Amino acid sequence: MAYIDFAQPLPAAGEGLSLPMVRDRIKAAASGFTRQEWQVVRLARTDGLGSLRAPGRWSRLKEMIFGPQPHFRLASERLEALRRLSVESWHNGFAVRASAIKAFRDAGFSEGQLELLLSAISLARATFTRRSFA
């Protein structure tokens, strides 16, 4: 049951959020992602958590022996931030690092898009992990 504390003063008409500001926030939250961004989220499902680390000595040695290895970084910083958060979310659900969320927000994504992304991946994880052995 909801509770409203009427002992606290309510903001006056001119204070707080203005109607255009609220409209902009709702519009940003409802906009979601572009087709390309959803494709990055889907492709991030197959990436491992190792794709988030910078190449180390072992990977450089493997590259010297076996030749060039594919790298997982995207050219666009915006899409790379989306990919990194998506990879973490595919593996850990809602338990993503704060630095990944900060990079996601710094790339220009909104809070509504963050909630949409984490909810969509969580729902998809639930459907992918269910198996029927009947």
N, C-alpha and C. Protein backbone atom coordinates (compact mmCIF):
# COMPACT_ATOMS: atom_id res chain seq x y z
N MET A 1 0.84 -1.17 0.00
CA MET A 1 0.00 0.00 0.00
C MET A 1 0.88 1.24 0.00
N ALA A 2 0.52 2.22 -0.78
CA ALA A 2 1.31 3.43 -0.90
C ALA A 2 1.09 4.34 0.30
N TYR A 3 2.08 5.13 0.61
CA TYR A 3 2.00 6.04 1.74
C TYR A 3 2.52 7.40 1.29
N ILE A 4 1.77 8.42 1.54
CA ILE A 4 2.20 9.78 1.23
C ILE A 4 2.34 10.52 2.55
N ASP A 5 3.51 11.10 2.76
CA ASP A 5 3.77 11.84 3.98
C ASP A 5 3.32 13.28 3.77
N PHE A 6 2.15 13.60 4.29
CA PHE A 6 1.60 14.93 4.11
C PHE A 6 2.22 15.94 5.06
N ALA A 7 3.05 15.48 5.99
CA ALA A 7 3.71 16.41 6.90
C ALA A 7 4.80 17.20 6.18
N GLN A 8 5.35 16.63 5.09
CA GLN A 8 6.38 17.32 4.32
C GLN A 8 5.72 18.31 3.37
N PRO A 9 6.32 19.49 3.21
CA PRO A 9 5.72 20.47 2.30
C PRO A 9 5.85 20.01 0.85
N LEU A 10 4.81 20.24 0.07
CA LEU A 10 4.82 19.91 -1.35
C LEU A 10 5.47 21.06 -2.11
N PRO A 11 6.12 20.79 -3.23
CA PRO A 11 6.73 21.88 -3.99
C PRO A 11 5.68 22.82 -4.56
N ALA A 12 6.05 24.07 -4.62
CA ALA A 12 5.15 25.08 -5.18
C ALA A 12 5.03 24.88 -6.68
N ALA A 13 4.12 25.60 -7.29
CA ALA A 13 3.85 25.41 -8.72
C ALA A 13 5.06 25.69 -9.58
N GLY A 14 5.88 26.66 -9.22
CA GLY A 14 7.02 27.03 -10.06
C GLY A 14 8.28 26.21 -9.80
N GLU A 15 8.27 25.37 -8.78
CA GLU A 15 9.47 24.62 -8.41
C GLU A 15 9.40 23.19 -8.94
N GLY A 16 10.52 22.50 -8.84
CA GLY A 16 10.53 21.09 -9.21
C GLY A 16 10.64 20.89 -10.72
N LEU A 17 9.98 19.88 -11.22
CA LEU A 17 10.06 19.54 -12.63
C LEU A 17 9.00 20.29 -13.41
N SER A 18 9.38 20.81 -14.55
CA SER A 18 8.41 21.47 -15.40
C SER A 18 7.81 20.44 -16.35
N LEU A 19 6.67 20.74 -16.91
CA LEU A 19 5.99 19.82 -17.81
C LEU A 19 6.83 19.45 -19.03
N PRO A 20 7.51 20.41 -19.70
CA PRO A 20 8.35 20.00 -20.84
C PRO A 20 9.50 19.08 -20.43
N MET A 21 10.06 19.30 -19.23
CA MET A 21 11.14 18.44 -18.77
C MET A 21 10.64 17.02 -18.54
N VAL A 22 9.46 16.89 -17.98
CA VAL A 22 8.87 15.57 -17.75
C VAL A 22 8.57 14.90 -19.09
N ARG A 23 8.03 15.67 -20.04
CA ARG A 23 7.75 15.13 -21.38
C ARG A 23 9.01 14.62 -22.05
N ASP A 24 10.12 15.36 -21.93
CA ASP A 24 11.38 14.94 -22.54
C ASP A 24 11.89 13.65 -21.91
N ARG A 25 11.76 13.52 -20.60
CA ARG A 25 12.21 12.30 -19.93
C ARG A 25 11.37 11.09 -20.35
N ILE A 26 10.07 11.29 -20.47
CA ILE A 26 9.20 10.19 -20.89
C ILE A 26 9.51 9.81 -22.33
N LYS A 27 9.74 10.79 -23.18
CA LYS A 27 10.04 10.53 -24.59
C LYS A 27 11.36 9.77 -24.72
N ALA A 28 12.37 10.14 -23.94
CA ALA A 28 13.67 9.46 -23.98
C ALA A 28 13.55 8.02 -23.49
N ALA A 29 12.73 7.81 -22.46
CA ALA A 29 12.57 6.46 -21.94
C ALA A 29 11.79 5.57 -22.90
N ALA A 30 10.85 6.15 -23.62
CA ALA A 30 10.03 5.37 -24.54
C ALA A 30 10.71 5.12 -25.87
N SER A 31 11.75 5.89 -26.17
CA SER A 31 12.37 5.78 -27.50
C SER A 31 13.08 4.45 -27.69
N GLY A 32 13.61 3.86 -26.62
CA GLY A 32 14.27 2.56 -26.75
C GLY A 32 15.57 2.67 -27.51
N PHE A 33 15.82 1.69 -28.35
CA PHE A 33 17.07 1.61 -29.10
C PHE A 33 16.78 1.50 -30.59
N THR A 34 17.79 1.80 -31.38
CA THR A 34 17.67 1.64 -32.82
C THR A 34 17.85 0.17 -33.18
N ARG A 35 17.60 -0.17 -34.44
CA ARG A 35 17.80 -1.55 -34.90
C ARG A 35 19.24 -2.00 -34.71
N GLN A 36 20.16 -1.12 -35.04
CA GLN A 36 21.58 -1.45 -34.92
C GLN A 36 21.95 -1.71 -33.46
N GLU A 37 21.42 -0.92 -32.55
CA GLU A 37 21.72 -1.11 -31.13
C GLU A 37 21.13 -2.42 -30.61
N TRP A 38 19.92 -2.78 -31.05
CA TRP A 38 19.35 -4.07 -30.65
C TRP A 38 20.18 -5.22 -31.21
N GLN A 39 20.72 -5.04 -32.42
CA GLN A 39 21.56 -6.09 -33.00
C GLN A 39 22.83 -6.28 -32.17
N VAL A 40 23.41 -5.19 -31.69
CA VAL A 40 24.60 -5.27 -30.83
C VAL A 40 24.26 -6.03 -29.55
N VAL A 41 23.07 -5.78 -28.99
CA VAL A 41 22.65 -6.47 -27.76
C VAL A 41 22.50 -7.97 -28.04
N ARG A 42 21.89 -8.33 -29.18
CA ARG A 42 21.74 -9.75 -29.51
C ARG A 42 23.08 -10.43 -29.74
N LEU A 43 24.00 -9.75 -30.41
CA LEU A 43 25.31 -10.33 -30.68
C LEU A 43 26.15 -10.45 -29.41
N ALA A 44 25.90 -9.59 -28.45
CA ALA A 44 26.66 -9.63 -27.19
C ALA A 44 26.35 -10.89 -26.40
N ARG A 45 25.26 -11.57 -26.72
CA ARG A 45 24.89 -12.80 -26.01
C ARG A 45 25.96 -13.88 -26.20
N THR A 46 26.60 -13.90 -27.35
CA THR A 46 27.59 -14.94 -27.64
C THR A 46 29.00 -14.57 -27.17
N ASP A 47 29.21 -13.32 -26.76
CA ASP A 47 30.53 -12.89 -26.29
C ASP A 47 30.74 -13.36 -24.85
N GLY A 48 31.96 -13.74 -24.56
CA GLY A 48 32.31 -14.13 -23.20
C GLY A 48 32.75 -12.94 -22.38
N LEU A 49 32.86 -13.13 -21.07
CA LEU A 49 33.33 -12.06 -20.21
C LEU A 49 34.78 -11.70 -20.51
N GLY A 50 35.53 -12.62 -21.11
CA GLY A 50 36.91 -12.34 -21.50
C GLY A 50 37.01 -11.26 -22.56
N SER A 51 35.93 -11.03 -23.29
CA SER A 51 35.96 -9.99 -24.33
C SER A 51 35.97 -8.59 -23.73
N LEU A 52 35.71 -8.49 -22.42
CA LEU A 52 35.71 -7.19 -21.77
C LEU A 52 37.09 -6.77 -21.30
N ARG A 53 38.01 -7.74 -21.20
CA ARG A 53 39.36 -7.44 -20.74
C ARG A 53 40.25 -7.01 -21.90
N ALA A 54 41.24 -6.20 -21.58
CA ALA A 54 42.24 -5.81 -22.58
C ALA A 54 43.14 -7.00 -22.86
N PRO A 55 43.69 -7.09 -24.07
CA PRO A 55 44.58 -8.22 -24.37
C PRO A 55 45.81 -8.21 -23.47
N GLY A 56 46.13 -9.38 -22.93
CA GLY A 56 47.27 -9.50 -22.04
C GLY A 56 48.42 -10.23 -22.71
N ARG A 57 49.35 -10.69 -21.90
CA ARG A 57 50.52 -11.39 -22.43
C ARG A 57 50.13 -12.67 -23.16
N TRP A 58 49.23 -13.43 -22.55
CA TRP A 58 48.84 -14.70 -23.13
C TRP A 58 48.21 -14.51 -24.50
N SER A 59 47.34 -13.54 -24.64
CA SER A 59 46.70 -13.32 -25.95
C SER A 59 47.71 -12.82 -26.97
N ARG A 60 48.68 -12.02 -26.54
CA ARG A 60 49.72 -11.58 -27.48
C ARG A 60 50.59 -12.74 -27.92
N LEU A 61 50.88 -13.65 -26.99
CA LEU A 61 51.66 -14.83 -27.34
C LEU A 61 50.90 -15.73 -28.31
N LYS A 62 49.62 -15.94 -28.05
CA LYS A 62 48.80 -16.74 -28.96
C LYS A 62 48.75 -16.10 -30.34
N GLU A 63 48.69 -14.78 -30.37
CA GLU A 63 48.66 -14.08 -31.65
C GLU A 63 49.96 -14.27 -32.41
N MET A 64 51.08 -14.29 -31.69
CA MET A 64 52.37 -14.50 -32.35
C MET A 64 52.46 -15.92 -32.90
N ILE A 65 51.92 -16.89 -32.20
CA ILE A 65 52.01 -18.29 -32.62
C ILE A 65 50.97 -18.63 -33.68
N PHE A 66 49.71 -18.30 -33.41
CA PHE A 66 48.61 -18.73 -34.26
C PHE A 66 48.14 -17.68 -35.26
N GLY A 67 48.69 -16.50 -35.21
CA GLY A 67 48.26 -15.45 -36.13
C GLY A 67 47.24 -14.54 -35.48
N PRO A 68 46.76 -13.57 -36.23
CA PRO A 68 45.82 -12.60 -35.66
C PRO A 68 44.54 -13.26 -35.16
N GLN A 69 44.12 -12.84 -34.00
CA GLN A 69 42.88 -13.33 -33.39
C GLN A 69 41.81 -12.24 -33.55
N PRO A 70 40.55 -12.64 -33.60
CA PRO A 70 39.49 -11.63 -33.69
C PRO A 70 39.42 -10.82 -32.40
N HIS A 71 39.21 -9.54 -32.53
CA HIS A 71 39.03 -8.71 -31.34
C HIS A 71 37.56 -8.33 -31.25
N PHE A 72 37.12 -8.03 -30.06
CA PHE A 72 35.70 -7.84 -29.82
C PHE A 72 35.29 -6.37 -29.71
N ARG A 73 36.22 -5.47 -29.78
CA ARG A 73 35.87 -4.05 -29.61
C ARG A 73 35.19 -3.50 -30.85
N LEU A 74 34.19 -2.67 -30.64
CA LEU A 74 33.50 -2.00 -31.74
C LEU A 74 34.13 -0.64 -31.98
N ALA A 75 34.03 -0.15 -33.18
CA ALA A 75 34.66 1.12 -33.53
C ALA A 75 33.94 2.30 -32.87
N SER A 76 32.64 2.23 -32.73
CA SER A 76 31.87 3.30 -32.13
C SER A 76 31.93 3.19 -30.61
N GLU A 77 32.32 4.26 -29.94
CA GLU A 77 32.39 4.26 -28.47
C GLU A 77 31.00 4.04 -27.86
N ARG A 78 29.99 4.61 -28.49
CA ARG A 78 28.61 4.46 -28.00
C ARG A 78 28.17 3.00 -28.06
N LEU A 79 28.41 2.35 -29.20
CA LEU A 79 28.03 0.96 -29.36
C LEU A 79 28.89 0.04 -28.49
N GLU A 80 30.14 0.42 -28.29
CA GLU A 80 31.03 -0.39 -27.44
C GLU A 80 30.55 -0.36 -25.99
N ALA A 81 30.10 0.79 -25.51
CA ALA A 81 29.57 0.88 -24.15
C ALA A 81 28.30 0.03 -24.03
N LEU A 82 27.48 0.05 -25.06
CA LEU A 82 26.27 -0.78 -25.07
C LEU A 82 26.64 -2.26 -25.09
N ARG A 83 27.63 -2.65 -25.89
CA ARG A 83 28.05 -4.04 -25.97
C ARG A 83 28.60 -4.53 -24.63
N ARG A 84 29.43 -3.71 -24.00
CA ARG A 84 30.05 -4.12 -22.74
C ARG A 84 29.00 -4.33 -21.64
N LEU A 85 28.04 -3.41 -21.56
CA LEU A 85 26.98 -3.57 -20.56
C LEU A 85 26.10 -4.77 -20.90
N SER A 86 25.86 -5.00 -22.18
CA SER A 86 25.04 -6.13 -22.59
C SER A 86 25.72 -7.46 -22.27
N VAL A 87 27.03 -7.54 -22.52
CA VAL A 87 27.76 -8.77 -22.22
C VAL A 87 27.68 -9.07 -20.72
N GLU A 88 27.90 -8.06 -19.90
CA GLU A 88 27.82 -8.27 -18.45
C GLU A 88 26.41 -8.68 -18.03
N SER A 89 25.42 -8.06 -18.64
CA SER A 89 24.05 -8.37 -18.28
C SER A 89 23.65 -9.78 -18.74
N TRP A 90 24.13 -10.20 -19.92
CA TRP A 90 23.83 -11.56 -20.38
C TRP A 90 24.43 -12.59 -19.43
N HIS A 91 25.55 -12.30 -18.83
CA HIS A 91 26.20 -13.27 -17.95
C HIS A 91 25.76 -13.15 -16.50
N ASN A 92 25.48 -11.91 -16.03
CA ASN A 92 25.21 -11.70 -14.61
C ASN A 92 23.83 -11.14 -14.31
N GLY A 93 22.99 -10.96 -15.28
CA GLY A 93 21.66 -10.40 -15.05
C GLY A 93 21.73 -8.93 -14.66
N PHE A 94 21.04 -8.59 -13.58
CA PHE A 94 21.03 -7.19 -13.12
C PHE A 94 22.30 -6.82 -12.35
N ALA A 95 23.14 -7.79 -12.02
CA ALA A 95 24.34 -7.54 -11.23
C ALA A 95 25.49 -7.09 -12.13
N VAL A 96 25.38 -5.90 -12.67
CA VAL A 96 26.44 -5.36 -13.52
C VAL A 96 27.25 -4.35 -12.71
N ARG A 97 28.49 -4.15 -13.13
CA ARG A 97 29.37 -3.24 -12.41
C ARG A 97 28.91 -1.79 -12.58
N ALA A 98 29.17 -1.00 -11.57
CA ALA A 98 28.81 0.42 -11.63
C ALA A 98 29.60 1.16 -12.71
N SER A 99 30.84 0.72 -12.96
CA SER A 99 31.64 1.38 -14.00
C SER A 99 31.04 1.14 -15.39
N ALA A 100 30.43 -0.03 -15.61
CA ALA A 100 29.79 -0.29 -16.89
C ALA A 100 28.55 0.59 -17.06
N ILE A 101 27.82 0.77 -15.97
CA ILE A 101 26.64 1.65 -16.03
C ILE A 101 27.07 3.09 -16.27
N LYS A 102 28.15 3.52 -15.62
CA LYS A 102 28.64 4.89 -15.81
C LYS A 102 29.09 5.10 -17.26
N ALA A 103 29.80 4.13 -17.83
CA ALA A 103 30.23 4.25 -19.23
C ALA A 103 29.02 4.28 -20.16
N PHE A 104 28.00 3.51 -19.84
CA PHE A 104 26.76 3.48 -20.62
C PHE A 104 26.09 4.84 -20.59
N ARG A 105 26.00 5.42 -19.39
CA ARG A 105 25.37 6.74 -19.25
C ARG A 105 26.22 7.83 -19.93
N ASP A 106 27.55 7.73 -19.80
CA ASP A 106 28.44 8.71 -20.43
C ASP A 106 28.38 8.64 -21.96
N ALA A 107 28.00 7.48 -22.50
CA ALA A 107 27.89 7.33 -23.95
C ALA A 107 26.63 8.00 -24.50
N GLY A 108 25.78 8.49 -23.62
CA GLY A 108 24.61 9.23 -24.07
C GLY A 108 23.29 8.48 -23.92
N PHE A 109 23.30 7.34 -23.28
CA PHE A 109 22.07 6.60 -23.07
C PHE A 109 21.37 7.10 -21.82
N SER A 110 20.06 6.95 -21.78
CA SER A 110 19.27 7.46 -20.66
C SER A 110 19.02 6.37 -19.62
N GLU A 111 18.48 6.78 -18.49
CA GLU A 111 18.13 5.85 -17.42
C GLU A 111 17.03 4.90 -17.89
N GLY A 112 16.10 5.42 -18.66
CA GLY A 112 15.02 4.59 -19.19
C GLY A 112 15.56 3.51 -20.12
N GLN A 113 16.55 3.86 -20.93
CA GLN A 113 17.15 2.88 -21.82
C GLN A 113 17.92 1.81 -21.02
N LEU A 114 18.54 2.23 -19.93
CA LEU A 114 19.23 1.27 -19.07
C LEU A 114 18.25 0.26 -18.49
N GLU A 115 17.13 0.75 -17.98
CA GLU A 115 16.12 -0.14 -17.42
C GLU A 115 15.53 -1.05 -18.49
N LEU A 116 15.29 -0.50 -19.67
CA LEU A 116 14.76 -1.30 -20.78
C LEU A 116 15.73 -2.40 -21.18
N LEU A 117 17.00 -2.07 -21.28
CA LEU A 117 18.02 -3.04 -21.67
C LEU A 117 18.14 -4.16 -20.64
N LEU A 118 18.27 -3.80 -19.38
CA LEU A 118 18.43 -4.82 -18.34
C LEU A 118 17.18 -5.70 -18.21
N SER A 119 16.01 -5.10 -18.36
CA SER A 119 14.78 -5.89 -18.29
C SER A 119 14.64 -6.82 -19.48
N ALA A 120 14.96 -6.34 -20.67
CA ALA A 120 14.85 -7.17 -21.87
C ALA A 120 15.83 -8.34 -21.81
N ILE A 121 17.04 -8.09 -21.39
CA ILE A 121 18.03 -9.17 -21.30
C ILE A 121 17.64 -10.15 -20.20
N SER A 122 17.13 -9.66 -19.09
CA SER A 122 16.71 -10.55 -18.01
C SER A 122 15.57 -11.45 -18.47
N LEU A 123 14.63 -10.90 -19.19
CA LEU A 123 13.52 -11.69 -19.72
C LEU A 123 14.03 -12.72 -20.73
N ALA A 124 14.94 -12.32 -21.60
CA ALA A 124 15.50 -13.25 -22.58
C ALA A 124 16.32 -14.34 -21.91
N ARG A 125 17.06 -14.00 -20.86
CA ARG A 125 17.82 -15.01 -20.12
C ARG A 125 16.90 -16.04 -19.51
N ALA A 126 15.77 -15.60 -19.01
CA ALA A 126 14.82 -16.52 -18.38
C ALA A 126 14.25 -17.49 -19.42
N THR A 127 14.00 -17.01 -20.62
CA THR A 127 13.44 -17.89 -21.65
C THR A 127 14.51 -18.81 -22.24
N PHE A 128 15.78 -18.34 -22.30
CA PHE A 128 16.84 -19.17 -22.87
C PHE A 128 17.27 -20.27 -21.92
N THR A 129 17.18 -20.05 -20.62
CA THR A 129 17.69 -21.04 -19.68
C THR A 129 16.68 -22.14 -19.39
N ARG A 130 15.43 -21.94 -19.72
CA ARG A 130 14.44 -22.99 -19.50
C ARG A 130 14.61 -24.07 -20.57
N ARG A 131 14.70 -25.31 -20.10
CA ARG A 131 14.85 -26.42 -21.04
C ARG A 131 13.77 -27.46 -20.75
N SER A 132 13.32 -28.08 -21.78
CA SER A 132 12.34 -29.14 -21.63
C SER A 132 13.00 -30.47 -22.01
N PHE A 133 12.98 -31.39 -21.09
CA PHE A 133 13.55 -32.71 -21.35
C PHE A 133 12.46 -33.75 -21.56
N ALA A 134 11.26 -33.31 -21.85
CA ALA A 134 10.15 -34.25 -22.04
C ALA A 134 10.17 -34.91 -23.39
